[in-house]
Amino acid sequence: MRNYPWYRGIHEEFGKPQGDAKEAPLVVLGIHTPETEQEKDITKVKKKLAEAKLTFPVAIDNETTMWKRYGNSYWPSVYLIDKKGVGRWGWPGELGWMGAQGEKLMRGKIEELLKE
């Protein structure tokens, strides 16, 4: 939840077509993997997403399929995947945990990839 403002900001800045472009330069996609049985309730997840004003698509991974494929061990984990589908950078956990600069680093990586 602490990453939500950052997710919204990135989606607003890069996740919408810019100028005359027909496509957004970046696709923001969330994957919700529940930590508890209660978090598997899709109705509750949708309500939380609406309350947090997260408007990008969010897949529900109740079976932990993607969680396992990515080898996750932290909630949340953030990944940057290039247009060829190659994972280029990731951050385990909250982007700003204890003063970490994950948001700044991720934003810089996004800008680098958009120049390619």
PDB file of N, CA and C in Angstrom:
ATOM      1  N   MET A   1       0.810  -1.183   0.000  1.00  0.00           N
ATOM      2  CA  MET A   1       0.000   0.000   0.000  1.00  0.00           C
ATOM      3  C   MET A   1       0.865   1.263   0.000  1.00  0.00           C
ATOM      4  N   ARG A   2       2.036   1.171   0.587  1.00  0.00           N
ATOM      5  CA  ARG A   2       2.902   2.358   0.612  1.00  0.00           C
ATOM      6  C   ARG A   2       3.420   2.703  -0.784  1.00  0.00           C
ATOM      7  N   ASN A   3       3.425   1.726  -1.686  1.00  0.00           N
ATOM      8  CA  ASN A   3       3.855   1.994  -3.057  1.00  0.00           C
ATOM      9  C   ASN A   3       2.739   2.586  -3.917  1.00  0.00           C
ATOM     10  N   TYR A   4       1.500   2.557  -3.457  1.00  0.00           N
ATOM     11  CA  TYR A   4       0.373   3.002  -4.281  1.00  0.00           C
ATOM     12  C   TYR A   4       0.544   4.402  -4.850  1.00  0.00           C
ATOM     13  N   PRO A   5       0.963   5.397  -4.066  1.00  0.00           N
ATOM     14  CA  PRO A   5       1.122   6.734  -4.657  1.00  0.00           C
ATOM     15  C   PRO A   5       2.134   6.734  -5.809  1.00  0.00           C
ATOM     16  N   TRP A   6       3.183   5.965  -5.654  1.00  0.00           N
ATOM     17  CA  TRP A   6       4.185   5.889  -6.715  1.00  0.00           C
ATOM     18  C   TRP A   6       3.611   5.218  -7.950  1.00  0.00           C
ATOM     19  N   TYR A   7       2.883   4.110  -7.765  1.00  0.00           N
ATOM     20  CA  TYR A   7       2.263   3.429  -8.898  1.00  0.00           C
ATOM     21  C   TYR A   7       1.331   4.374  -9.653  1.00  0.00           C
ATOM     22  N   ARG A   8       0.511   5.109  -8.906  1.00  0.00           N
ATOM     23  CA  ARG A   8      -0.397   6.080  -9.547  1.00  0.00           C
ATOM     24  C   ARG A   8       0.396   7.117 -10.326  1.00  0.00           C
ATOM     25  N   GLY A   9       1.455   7.635  -9.729  1.00  0.00           N
ATOM     26  CA  GLY A   9       2.267   8.663 -10.381  1.00  0.00           C
ATOM     27  C   GLY A   9       2.903   8.176 -11.669  1.00  0.00           C
ATOM     28  N   ILE A  10       3.468   6.991 -11.648  1.00  0.00           N
ATOM     29  CA  ILE A  10       4.090   6.428 -12.850  1.00  0.00           C
ATOM     30  C   ILE A  10       3.035   6.190 -13.922  1.00  0.00           C
ATOM     31  N   HIS A  11       1.886   5.662 -13.523  1.00  0.00           N
ATOM     32  CA  HIS A  11       0.810   5.426 -14.492  1.00  0.00           C
ATOM     33  C   HIS A  11       0.343   6.741 -15.111  1.00  0.00           C
ATOM     34  N   GLU A  12       0.187   7.766 -14.296  1.00  0.00           N
ATOM     35  CA  GLU A  12      -0.248   9.069 -14.812  1.00  0.00           C
ATOM     36  C   GLU A  12       0.801   9.668 -15.751  1.00  0.00           C
ATOM     37  N   GLU A  13       2.067   9.539 -15.385  1.00  0.00           N
ATOM     38  CA  GLU A  13       3.133  10.156 -16.177  1.00  0.00           C
ATOM     39  C   GLU A  13       3.476   9.392 -17.448  1.00  0.00           C
ATOM     40  N   PHE A  14       3.554   8.071 -17.360  1.00  0.00           N
ATOM     41  CA  PHE A  14       4.033   7.280 -18.497  1.00  0.00           C
ATOM     42  C   PHE A  14       3.003   6.312 -19.070  1.00  0.00           C
ATOM     43  N   GLY A  15       1.922   6.054 -18.364  1.00  0.00           N
ATOM     44  CA  GLY A  15       0.984   5.014 -18.756  1.00  0.00           C
ATOM     45  C   GLY A  15      -0.157   5.468 -19.638  1.00  0.00           C
ATOM     46  N   LYS A  16      -0.045   6.672 -20.201  1.00  0.00           N
ATOM     47  CA  LYS A  16      -1.085   7.190 -21.080  1.00  0.00           C
ATOM     48  C   LYS A  16      -0.425   7.749 -22.328  1.00  0.00           C
ATOM     49  N   PRO A  17      -1.103   7.670 -23.467  1.00  0.00           N
ATOM     50  CA  PRO A  17      -0.509   8.230 -24.691  1.00  0.00           C
ATOM     51  C   PRO A  17      -0.124   9.690 -24.490  1.00  0.00           C
ATOM     52  N   GLN A  18       0.997  10.052 -25.086  1.00  0.00           N
ATOM     53  CA  GLN A  18       1.487  11.421 -24.961  1.00  0.00           C
ATOM     54  C   GLN A  18       1.535  12.084 -26.320  1.00  0.00           C
ATOM     55  N   GLY A  19       1.107  13.322 -26.368  1.00  0.00           N
ATOM     56  CA  GLY A  19       1.105  14.055 -27.628  1.00  0.00           C
ATOM     57  C   GLY A  19       0.191  13.383 -28.635  1.00  0.00           C
ATOM     58  N   ASP A  20       0.711  13.155 -29.843  1.00  0.00           N
ATOM     59  CA  ASP A  20      -0.068  12.526 -30.913  1.00  0.00           C
ATOM     60  C   ASP A  20       0.049  10.998 -30.897  1.00  0.00           C
ATOM     61  N   ALA A  21       0.782  10.465 -29.955  1.00  0.00           N
ATOM     62  CA  ALA A  21       0.987   9.010 -29.888  1.00  0.00           C
ATOM     63  C   ALA A  21      -0.332   8.296 -29.603  1.00  0.00           C
ATOM     64  N   LYS A  22      -0.468   7.113 -30.182  1.00  0.00           N
ATOM     65  CA  LYS A  22      -1.671   6.310 -29.958  1.00  0.00           C
ATOM     66  C   LYS A  22      -1.497   5.333 -28.802  1.00  0.00           C
ATOM     67  N   GLU A  23      -0.258   5.052 -28.449  1.00  0.00           N
ATOM     68  CA  GLU A  23       0.010   4.113 -27.366  1.00  0.00           C
ATOM     69  C   GLU A  23       0.809   4.789 -26.262  1.00  0.00           C
ATOM     70  N   ALA A  24       0.615   4.321 -25.057  1.00  0.00           N
ATOM     71  CA  ALA A  24       1.379   4.823 -23.922  1.00  0.00           C
ATOM     72  C   ALA A  24       2.812   4.306 -24.018  1.00  0.00           C
ATOM     73  N   PRO A  25       3.782   5.086 -23.559  1.00  0.00           N
ATOM     74  CA  PRO A  25       5.167   4.618 -23.607  1.00  0.00           C
ATOM     75  C   PRO A  25       5.458   3.496 -22.600  1.00  0.00           C
ATOM     76  N   LEU A  26       4.582   3.333 -21.602  1.00  0.00           N
ATOM     77  CA  LEU A  26       4.802   2.346 -20.554  1.00  0.00           C
ATOM     78  C   LEU A  26       3.467   1.726 -20.166  1.00  0.00           C
ATOM     79  N   VAL A  27       3.463   0.439 -19.929  1.00  0.00           N
ATOM     80  CA  VAL A  27       2.260  -0.232 -19.442  1.00  0.00           C
ATOM     81  C   VAL A  27       2.493  -0.582 -17.976  1.00  0.00           C
ATOM     82  N   VAL A  28       1.607  -0.111 -17.138  1.00  0.00           N
ATOM     83  CA  VAL A  28       1.659  -0.465 -15.722  1.00  0.00           C
ATOM     84  C   VAL A  28       0.663  -1.595 -15.515  1.00  0.00           C
ATOM     85  N   LEU A  29       1.132  -2.681 -14.955  1.00  0.00           N
ATOM     86  CA  LEU A  29       0.290  -3.846 -14.698  1.00  0.00           C
ATOM     87  C   LEU A  29       0.579  -4.337 -13.290  1.00  0.00           C
ATOM     88  N   GLY A  30      -0.455  -4.453 -12.498  1.00  0.00           N
ATOM     89  CA  GLY A  30      -0.299  -4.985 -11.159  1.00  0.00           C
ATOM     90  C   GLY A  30      -0.652  -6.460 -11.131  1.00  0.00           C
ATOM     91  N   ILE A  31       0.008  -7.188 -10.263  1.00  0.00           N
ATOM     92  CA  ILE A  31      -0.345  -8.582 -10.025  1.00  0.00           C
ATOM     93  C   ILE A  31      -0.551  -8.718  -8.522  1.00  0.00           C
ATOM     94  N   HIS A  32      -1.784  -8.965  -8.138  1.00  0.00           N
ATOM     95  CA  HIS A  32      -2.114  -9.098  -6.718  1.00  0.00           C
ATOM     96  C   HIS A  32      -1.973 -10.553  -6.299  1.00  0.00           C
ATOM     97  N   THR A  33      -1.003 -10.806  -5.428  1.00  0.00           N
ATOM     98  CA  THR A  33      -0.825 -12.129  -4.841  1.00  0.00           C
ATOM     99  C   THR A  33      -1.131 -11.987  -3.351  1.00  0.00           C
ATOM    100  N   PRO A  34      -2.169 -12.640  -2.879  1.00  0.00           N
ATOM    101  CA  PRO A  34      -2.577 -12.465  -1.488  1.00  0.00           C
ATOM    102  C   PRO A  34      -1.588 -13.074  -0.491  1.00  0.00           C
ATOM    103  N   GLU A  35      -1.472 -12.402   0.641  1.00  0.00           N
ATOM    104  CA  GLU A  35      -0.684 -12.932   1.750  1.00  0.00           C
ATOM    105  C   GLU A  35      -1.559 -13.778   2.668  1.00  0.00           C
ATOM    106  N   THR A  36      -2.868 -13.486   2.700  1.00  0.00           N
ATOM    107  CA  THR A  36      -3.791 -14.173   3.598  1.00  0.00           C
ATOM    108  C   THR A  36      -4.990 -14.695   2.801  1.00  0.00           C
ATOM    109  N   GLU A  37      -5.747 -15.590   3.386  1.00  0.00           N
ATOM    110  CA  GLU A  37      -6.964 -16.106   2.744  1.00  0.00           C
ATOM    111  C   GLU A  37      -7.954 -14.977   2.468  1.00  0.00           C
ATOM    112  N   GLN A  38      -8.066 -14.033   3.389  1.00  0.00           N
ATOM    113  CA  GLN A  38      -8.999 -12.919   3.235  1.00  0.00           C
ATOM    114  C   GLN A  38      -8.664 -12.081   1.995  1.00  0.00           C
ATOM    115  N   GLU A  39      -7.384 -11.982   1.666  1.00  0.00           N
ATOM    116  CA  GLU A  39      -6.959 -11.187   0.515  1.00  0.00           C
ATOM    117  C   GLU A  39      -7.236 -11.875  -0.821  1.00  0.00           C
ATOM    118  N   LYS A  40      -7.781 -13.082  -0.786  1.00  0.00           N
ATOM    119  CA  LYS A  40      -8.173 -13.776  -2.018  1.00  0.00           C
ATOM    120  C   LYS A  40      -9.551 -13.351  -2.517  1.00  0.00           C
ATOM    121  N   ASP A  41     -10.281 -12.611  -1.718  1.00  0.00           N
ATOM    122  CA  ASP A  41     -11.631 -12.170  -2.058  1.00  0.00           C
ATOM    123  C   ASP A  41     -11.554 -11.063  -3.115  1.00  0.00           C
ATOM    124  N   ILE A  42     -11.897 -11.404  -4.352  1.00  0.00           N
ATOM    125  CA  ILE A  42     -11.763 -10.476  -5.471  1.00  0.00           C
ATOM    126  C   ILE A  42     -12.604  -9.222  -5.282  1.00  0.00           C
ATOM    127  N   THR A  43     -13.782  -9.347  -4.690  1.00  0.00           N
ATOM    128  CA  THR A  43     -14.626  -8.183  -4.437  1.00  0.00           C
ATOM    129  C   THR A  43     -13.906  -7.190  -3.526  1.00  0.00           C
ATOM    130  N   LYS A  44     -13.254  -7.703  -2.495  1.00  0.00           N
ATOM    131  CA  LYS A  44     -12.512  -6.837  -1.573  1.00  0.00           C
ATOM    132  C   LYS A  44     -11.294  -6.212  -2.269  1.00  0.00           C
ATOM    133  N   VAL A  45     -10.643  -6.983  -3.101  1.00  0.00           N
ATOM    134  CA  VAL A  45      -9.486  -6.458  -3.839  1.00  0.00           C
ATOM    135  C   VAL A  45      -9.938  -5.316  -4.747  1.00  0.00           C
ATOM    136  N   LYS A  46     -11.025  -5.507  -5.480  1.00  0.00           N
ATOM    137  CA  LYS A  46     -11.532  -4.451  -6.361  1.00  0.00           C
ATOM    138  C   LYS A  46     -11.886  -3.190  -5.571  1.00  0.00           C
ATOM    139  N   LYS A  47     -12.473  -3.370  -4.405  1.00  0.00           N
ATOM    140  CA  LYS A  47     -12.834  -2.234  -3.566  1.00  0.00           C
ATOM    141  C   LYS A  47     -11.580  -1.468  -3.129  1.00  0.00           C
ATOM    142  N   LYS A  48     -10.556  -2.189  -2.709  1.00  0.00           N
ATOM    143  CA  LYS A  48      -9.307  -1.554  -2.288  1.00  0.00           C
ATOM    144  C   LYS A  48      -8.634  -0.814  -3.442  1.00  0.00           C
ATOM    145  N   LEU A  49      -8.670  -1.420  -4.634  1.00  0.00           N
ATOM    146  CA  LEU A  49      -8.082  -0.761  -5.801  1.00  0.00           C
ATOM    147  C   LEU A  49      -8.810   0.542  -6.109  1.00  0.00           C
ATOM    148  N   ALA A  50     -10.130   0.511  -6.033  1.00  0.00           N
ATOM    149  CA  ALA A  50     -10.925   1.712  -6.281  1.00  0.00           C
ATOM    150  C   ALA A  50     -10.631   2.776  -5.222  1.00  0.00           C
ATOM    151  N   GLU A  51     -10.579   2.372  -3.962  1.00  0.00           N
ATOM    152  CA  GLU A  51     -10.275   3.315  -2.875  1.00  0.00           C
ATOM    153  C   GLU A  51      -8.901   3.949  -3.057  1.00  0.00           C
ATOM    154  N   ALA A  52      -7.944   3.168  -3.553  1.00  0.00           N
ATOM    155  CA  ALA A  52      -6.580   3.655  -3.764  1.00  0.00           C
ATOM    156  C   ALA A  52      -6.437   4.409  -5.088  1.00  0.00           C
ATOM    157  N   LYS A  53      -7.503   4.439  -5.888  1.00  0.00           N
ATOM    158  CA  LYS A  53      -7.512   5.114  -7.191  1.00  0.00           C
ATOM    159  C   LYS A  53      -6.449   4.552  -8.133  1.00  0.00           C
ATOM    160  N   LEU A  54      -6.307   3.231  -8.103  1.00  0.00           N
ATOM    161  CA  LEU A  54      -5.410   2.548  -9.033  1.00  0.00           C
ATOM    162  C   LEU A  54      -6.238   2.126 -10.237  1.00  0.00           C
ATOM    163  N   THR A  55      -5.987   2.736 -11.384  1.00  0.00           N
ATOM    164  CA  THR A  55      -6.828   2.519 -12.561  1.00  0.00           C
ATOM    165  C   THR A  55      -6.181   1.638 -13.625  1.00  0.00           C
ATOM    166  N   PHE A  56      -4.960   1.212 -13.405  1.00  0.00           N
ATOM    167  CA  PHE A  56      -4.317   0.309 -14.357  1.00  0.00           C
ATOM    168  C   PHE A  56      -4.795  -1.117 -14.081  1.00  0.00           C
ATOM    169  N   PRO A  57      -4.616  -2.017 -15.046  1.00  0.00           N
ATOM    170  CA  PRO A  57      -5.075  -3.397 -14.842  1.00  0.00           C
ATOM    171  C   PRO A  57      -4.307  -4.098 -13.716  1.00  0.00           C
ATOM    172  N   VAL A  58      -5.038  -4.906 -12.969  1.00  0.00           N
ATOM    173  CA  VAL A  58      -4.430  -5.704 -11.901  1.00  0.00           C
ATOM    174  C   VAL A  58      -4.934  -7.136 -12.041  1.00  0.00           C
ATOM    175  N   ALA A  59      -4.007  -8.052 -12.280  1.00  0.00           N
ATOM    176  CA  ALA A  59      -4.336  -9.475 -12.365  1.00  0.00           C
ATOM    177  C   ALA A  59      -4.367 -10.052 -10.952  1.00  0.00           C
ATOM    178  N   ILE A  60      -5.225 -11.019 -10.738  1.00  0.00           N
ATOM    179  CA  ILE A  60      -5.338 -11.680  -9.441  1.00  0.00           C
ATOM    180  C   ILE A  60      -4.599 -13.017  -9.512  1.00  0.00           C
ATOM    181  N   ASP A  61      -3.613 -13.195  -8.660  1.00  0.00           N
ATOM    182  CA  ASP A  61      -2.769 -14.394  -8.655  1.00  0.00           C
ATOM    183  C   ASP A  61      -3.023 -15.208  -7.384  1.00  0.00           C
ATOM    184  N   ASN A  62      -4.270 -15.621  -7.198  1.00  0.00           N
ATOM    185  CA  ASN A  62      -4.634 -16.362  -5.982  1.00  0.00           C
ATOM    186  C   ASN A  62      -3.928 -17.704  -5.858  1.00  0.00           C
ATOM    187  N   GLU A  63      -3.463 -18.250  -6.954  1.00  0.00           N
ATOM    188  CA  GLU A  63      -2.755 -19.539  -6.910  1.00  0.00           C
ATOM    189  C   GLU A  63      -1.243 -19.365  -6.824  1.00  0.00           C
ATOM    190  N   THR A  64      -0.785 -18.139  -6.703  1.00  0.00           N
ATOM    191  CA  THR A  64       0.638 -17.768  -6.600  1.00  0.00           C
ATOM    192  C   THR A  64       1.485 -18.214  -7.797  1.00  0.00           C
ATOM    193  N   THR A  65       0.868 -18.345  -8.944  1.00  0.00           N
ATOM    194  CA  THR A  65       1.583 -18.786 -10.146  1.00  0.00           C
ATOM    195  C   THR A  65       2.697 -17.809 -10.526  1.00  0.00           C
ATOM    196  N   MET A  66       2.349 -16.545 -10.680  1.00  0.00           N
ATOM    197  CA  MET A  66       3.363 -15.559 -11.070  1.00  0.00           C
ATOM    198  C   MET A  66       4.353 -15.312  -9.937  1.00  0.00           C
ATOM    199  N   TRP A  67       3.849 -15.338  -8.729  1.00  0.00           N
ATOM    200  CA  TRP A  67       4.714 -15.178  -7.554  1.00  0.00           C
ATOM    201  C   TRP A  67       5.860 -16.181  -7.611  1.00  0.00           C
ATOM    202  N   LYS A  68       5.527 -17.430  -7.878  1.00  0.00           N
ATOM    203  CA  LYS A  68       6.539 -18.490  -7.930  1.00  0.00           C
ATOM    204  C   LYS A  68       7.445 -18.342  -9.147  1.00  0.00           C
ATOM    205  N   ARG A  69       6.868 -17.996 -10.298  1.00  0.00           N
ATOM    206  CA  ARG A  69       7.683 -17.857 -11.518  1.00  0.00           C
ATOM    207  C   ARG A  69       8.732 -16.761 -11.385  1.00  0.00           C
ATOM    208  N   TYR A  70       8.387 -15.692 -10.687  1.00  0.00           N
ATOM    209  CA  TYR A  70       9.332 -14.602 -10.486  1.00  0.00           C
ATOM    210  C   TYR A  70      10.246 -14.843  -9.289  1.00  0.00           C
ATOM    211  N   GLY A  71      10.008 -15.907  -8.543  1.00  0.00           N
ATOM    212  CA  GLY A  71      10.835 -16.211  -7.388  1.00  0.00           C
ATOM    213  C   GLY A  71      10.698 -15.170  -6.280  1.00  0.00           C
ATOM    214  N   ASN A  72       9.506 -14.608  -6.155  1.00  0.00           N
ATOM    215  CA  ASN A  72       9.278 -13.564  -5.147  1.00  0.00           C
ATOM    216  C   ASN A  72       9.386 -14.103  -3.732  1.00  0.00           C
ATOM    217  N   SER A  73       9.793 -13.209  -2.853  1.00  0.00           N
ATOM    218  CA  SER A  73       9.757 -13.511  -1.428  1.00  0.00           C
ATOM    219  C   SER A  73       9.382 -12.266  -0.626  1.00  0.00           C
ATOM    220  N   TYR A  74       9.054 -11.162  -1.313  1.00  0.00           N
ATOM    221  CA  TYR A  74       8.679  -9.914  -0.671  1.00  0.00           C
ATOM    222  C   TYR A  74       7.374  -9.376  -1.235  1.00  0.00           C
ATOM    223  N   TRP A  75       6.535  -8.831  -0.367  1.00  0.00           N
ATOM    224  CA  TRP A  75       5.342  -8.083  -0.772  1.00  0.00           C
ATOM    225  C   TRP A  75       5.631  -6.622  -0.483  1.00  0.00           C
ATOM    226  N   PRO A  76       5.521  -5.752  -1.417  1.00  0.00           N
ATOM    227  CA  PRO A  76       5.376  -5.993  -2.845  1.00  0.00           C
ATOM    228  C   PRO A  76       6.745  -6.200  -3.487  1.00  0.00           C
ATOM    229  N   SER A  77       6.726  -6.603  -4.714  1.00  0.00           N
ATOM    230  CA  SER A  77       7.925  -6.626  -5.549  1.00  0.00           C
ATOM    231  C   SER A  77       7.571  -5.882  -6.832  1.00  0.00           C
ATOM    232  N   VAL A  78       8.521  -5.135  -7.344  1.00  0.00           N
ATOM    233  CA  VAL A  78       8.289  -4.301  -8.515  1.00  0.00           C
ATOM    234  C   VAL A  78       9.295  -4.694  -9.589  1.00  0.00           C
ATOM    235  N   TYR A  79       8.810  -4.847 -10.820  1.00  0.00           N
ATOM    236  CA  TYR A  79       9.681  -5.241 -11.926  1.00  0.00           C
ATOM    237  C   TYR A  79       9.510  -4.303 -13.101  1.00  0.00           C
ATOM    238  N   LEU A  80      10.595  -4.100 -13.806  1.00  0.00           N
ATOM    239  CA  LEU A  80      10.577  -3.326 -15.043  1.00  0.00           C
ATOM    240  C   LEU A  80      10.942  -4.290 -16.162  1.00  0.00           C
ATOM    241  N   ILE A  81      10.008  -4.456 -17.088  1.00  0.00           N
ATOM    242  CA  ILE A  81      10.184  -5.402 -18.196  1.00  0.00           C
ATOM    243  C   ILE A  81      10.175  -4.606 -19.493  1.00  0.00           C
ATOM    244  N   ASP A  82      11.146  -4.845 -20.343  1.00  0.00           N
ATOM    245  CA  ASP A  82      11.237  -4.051 -21.569  1.00  0.00           C
ATOM    246  C   ASP A  82      10.233  -4.520 -22.619  1.00  0.00           C
ATOM    247  N   LYS A  83      10.202  -3.824 -23.752  1.00  0.00           N
ATOM    248  CA  LYS A  83       9.205  -4.110 -24.791  1.00  0.00           C
ATOM    249  C   LYS A  83       9.408  -5.476 -25.450  1.00  0.00           C
ATOM    250  N   LYS A  84      10.552  -6.106 -25.229  1.00  0.00           N
ATOM    251  CA  LYS A  84      10.787  -7.447 -25.750  1.00  0.00           C
ATOM    252  C   LYS A  84      10.402  -8.521 -24.735  1.00  0.00           C
ATOM    253  N   GLY A  85       9.963  -8.091 -23.549  1.00  0.00           N
ATOM    254  CA  GLY A  85       9.565  -9.038 -22.513  1.00  0.00           C
ATOM    255  C   GLY A  85      10.699  -9.481 -21.609  1.00  0.00           C
ATOM    256  N   VAL A  86      11.810  -8.775 -21.674  1.00  0.00           N
ATOM    257  CA  VAL A  86      12.970  -9.128 -20.865  1.00  0.00           C
ATOM    258  C   VAL A  86      12.939  -8.317 -19.568  1.00  0.00           C
ATOM    259  N   GLY A  87      13.042  -9.005 -18.441  1.00  0.00           N
ATOM    260  CA  GLY A  87      13.107  -8.324 -17.155  1.00  0.00           C
ATOM    261  C   GLY A  87      14.420  -7.572 -17.058  1.00  0.00           C
ATOM    262  N   ARG A  88      14.331  -6.263 -16.873  1.00  0.00           N
ATOM    263  CA  ARG A  88      15.534  -5.431 -16.865  1.00  0.00           C
ATOM    264  C   ARG A  88      15.929  -4.932 -15.482  1.00  0.00           C
ATOM    265  N   TRP A  89      14.964  -4.886 -14.566  1.00  0.00           N
ATOM    266  CA  TRP A  89      15.279  -4.365 -13.247  1.00  0.00           C
ATOM    267  C   TRP A  89      14.162  -4.717 -12.293  1.00  0.00           C
ATOM    268  N   GLY A  90      14.464  -4.895 -11.043  1.00  0.00           N
ATOM    269  CA  GLY A  90      13.432  -5.194 -10.067  1.00  0.00           C
ATOM    270  C   GLY A  90      13.799  -4.666  -8.691  1.00  0.00           C
ATOM    271  N   TRP A  91      12.782  -4.559  -7.869  1.00  0.00           N
ATOM    272  CA  TRP A  91      12.979  -4.074  -6.506  1.00  0.00           C
ATOM    273  C   TRP A  91      12.135  -4.924  -5.571  1.00  0.00           C
ATOM    274  N   PRO A  92      12.762  -5.627  -4.640  1.00  0.00           N
ATOM    275  CA  PRO A  92      11.994  -6.424  -3.674  1.00  0.00           C
ATOM    276  C   PRO A  92      11.544  -5.559  -2.498  1.00  0.00           C
ATOM    277  N   GLY A  93      10.273  -5.575  -2.209  1.00  0.00           N
ATOM    278  CA  GLY A  93       9.753  -4.837  -1.064  1.00  0.00           C
ATOM    279  C   GLY A  93       9.289  -3.438  -1.418  1.00  0.00           C
ATOM    280  N   GLU A  94       9.052  -2.654  -0.375  1.00  0.00           N
ATOM    281  CA  GLU A  94       8.572  -1.291  -0.559  1.00  0.00           C
ATOM    282  C   GLU A  94       9.689  -0.408  -1.109  1.00  0.00           C
ATOM    283  N   LEU A  95       9.327   0.433  -2.044  1.00  0.00           N
ATOM    284  CA  LEU A  95      10.324   1.265  -2.718  1.00  0.00           C
ATOM    285  C   LEU A  95      11.014   2.262  -1.794  1.00  0.00           C
ATOM    286  N   GLY A  96      10.313   2.704  -0.758  1.00  0.00           N
ATOM    287  CA  GLY A  96      10.899   3.687   0.133  1.00  0.00           C
ATOM    288  C   GLY A  96      11.191   3.170   1.522  1.00  0.00           C
ATOM    289  N   TRP A  97      11.285   1.849   1.692  1.00  0.00           N
ATOM    290  CA  TRP A  97      11.482   1.249   3.002  1.00  0.00           C
ATOM    291  C   TRP A  97      12.717   1.830   3.693  1.00  0.00           C
ATOM    292  N   MET A  98      12.503   2.395   4.856  1.00  0.00           N
ATOM    293  CA  MET A  98      13.570   2.937   5.698  1.00  0.00           C
ATOM    294  C   MET A  98      14.487   3.887   4.927  1.00  0.00           C
ATOM    295  N   GLY A  99      13.891   4.730   4.090  1.00  0.00           N
ATOM    296  CA  GLY A  99      14.653   5.737   3.363  1.00  0.00           C
ATOM    297  C   GLY A  99      15.290   5.256   2.074  1.00  0.00           C
ATOM    298  N   ALA A 100      14.990   4.035   1.657  1.00  0.00           N
ATOM    299  CA  ALA A 100      15.559   3.519   0.402  1.00  0.00           C
ATOM    300  C   ALA A 100      15.130   4.399  -0.764  1.00  0.00           C
ATOM    301  N   GLN A 101      15.904   4.406  -1.799  1.00  0.00           N
ATOM    302  CA  GLN A 101      15.652   5.247  -2.967  1.00  0.00           C
ATOM    303  C   GLN A 101      15.098   4.441  -4.149  1.00  0.00           C
ATOM    304  N   GLY A 102      14.301   3.412  -3.859  1.00  0.00           N
ATOM    305  CA  GLY A 102      13.770   2.554  -4.916  1.00  0.00           C
ATOM    306  C   GLY A 102      12.950   3.287  -5.953  1.00  0.00           C
ATOM    307  N   GLU A 103      12.118   4.224  -5.520  1.00  0.00           N
ATOM    308  CA  GLU A 103      11.297   4.981  -6.472  1.00  0.00           C
ATOM    309  C   GLU A 103      12.178   5.787  -7.423  1.00  0.00           C
ATOM    310  N   LYS A 104      13.155   6.462  -6.887  1.00  0.00           N
ATOM    311  CA  LYS A 104      14.062   7.261  -7.707  1.00  0.00           C
ATOM    312  C   LYS A 104      14.831   6.375  -8.695  1.00  0.00           C
ATOM    313  N   LEU A 105      15.317   5.249  -8.205  1.00  0.00           N
ATOM    314  CA  LEU A 105      16.048   4.330  -9.076  1.00  0.00           C
ATOM    315  C   LEU A 105      15.155   3.772 -10.184  1.00  0.00           C
ATOM    316  N   MET A 106      13.925   3.362  -9.826  1.00  0.00           N
ATOM    317  CA  MET A 106      13.013   2.807 -10.821  1.00  0.00           C
ATOM    318  C   MET A 106      12.646   3.846 -11.867  1.00  0.00           C
ATOM    319  N   ARG A 107      12.372   5.067 -11.431  1.00  0.00           N
ATOM    320  CA  ARG A 107      12.031   6.131 -12.367  1.00  0.00           C
ATOM    321  C   ARG A 107      13.191   6.362 -13.345  1.00  0.00           C
ATOM    322  N   GLY A 108      14.418   6.346 -12.851  1.00  0.00           N
ATOM    323  CA  GLY A 108      15.587   6.503 -13.719  1.00  0.00           C
ATOM    324  C   GLY A 108      15.702   5.366 -14.717  1.00  0.00           C
ATOM    325  N   LYS A 109      15.427   4.141 -14.271  1.00  0.00           N
ATOM    326  CA  LYS A 109      15.483   2.980 -15.176  1.00  0.00           C
ATOM    327  C   LYS A 109      14.395   3.078 -16.249  1.00  0.00           C
ATOM    328  N   ILE A 110      13.209   3.547 -15.865  1.00  0.00           N
ATOM    329  CA  ILE A 110      12.129   3.726 -16.840  1.00  0.00           C
ATOM    330  C   ILE A 110      12.562   4.725 -17.902  1.00  0.00           C
ATOM    331  N   GLU A 111      13.108   5.835 -17.474  1.00  0.00           N
ATOM    332  CA  GLU A 111      13.533   6.867 -18.428  1.00  0.00           C
ATOM    333  C   GLU A 111      14.635   6.351 -19.353  1.00  0.00           C
ATOM    334  N   GLU A 112      15.556   5.556 -18.820  1.00  0.00           N
ATOM    335  CA  GLU A 112      16.605   4.961 -19.661  1.00  0.00           C
ATOM    336  C   GLU A 112      16.000   4.052 -20.730  1.00  0.00           C
ATOM    337  N   LEU A 113      15.071   3.180 -20.339  1.00  0.00           N
ATOM    338  CA  LEU A 113      14.454   2.260 -21.297  1.00  0.00           C
ATOM    339  C   LEU A 113      13.638   2.984 -22.353  1.00  0.00           C
ATOM    340  N   LEU A 114      12.981   4.055 -21.966  1.00  0.00           N
ATOM    341  CA  LEU A 114      12.171   4.794 -22.937  1.00  0.00           C
ATOM    342  C   LEU A 114      13.027   5.464 -24.007  1.00  0.00           C
ATOM    343  N   LYS A 115      14.297   5.650 -23.720  1.00  0.00           N
ATOM    344  CA  LYS A 115      15.216   6.242 -24.710  1.00  0.00           C
ATOM    345  C   LYS A 115      15.715   5.216 -25.717  1.00  0.00           C
ATOM    346  N   GLU A 116      15.565   3.932 -25.403  1.00  0.00           N
ATOM    347  CA  GLU A 116      16.068   2.872 -26.300  1.00  0.00           C
ATOM    348  C   GLU A 116      15.234   2.776 -27.560  1.00  0.00           C
TER     349      GLU A 116
END
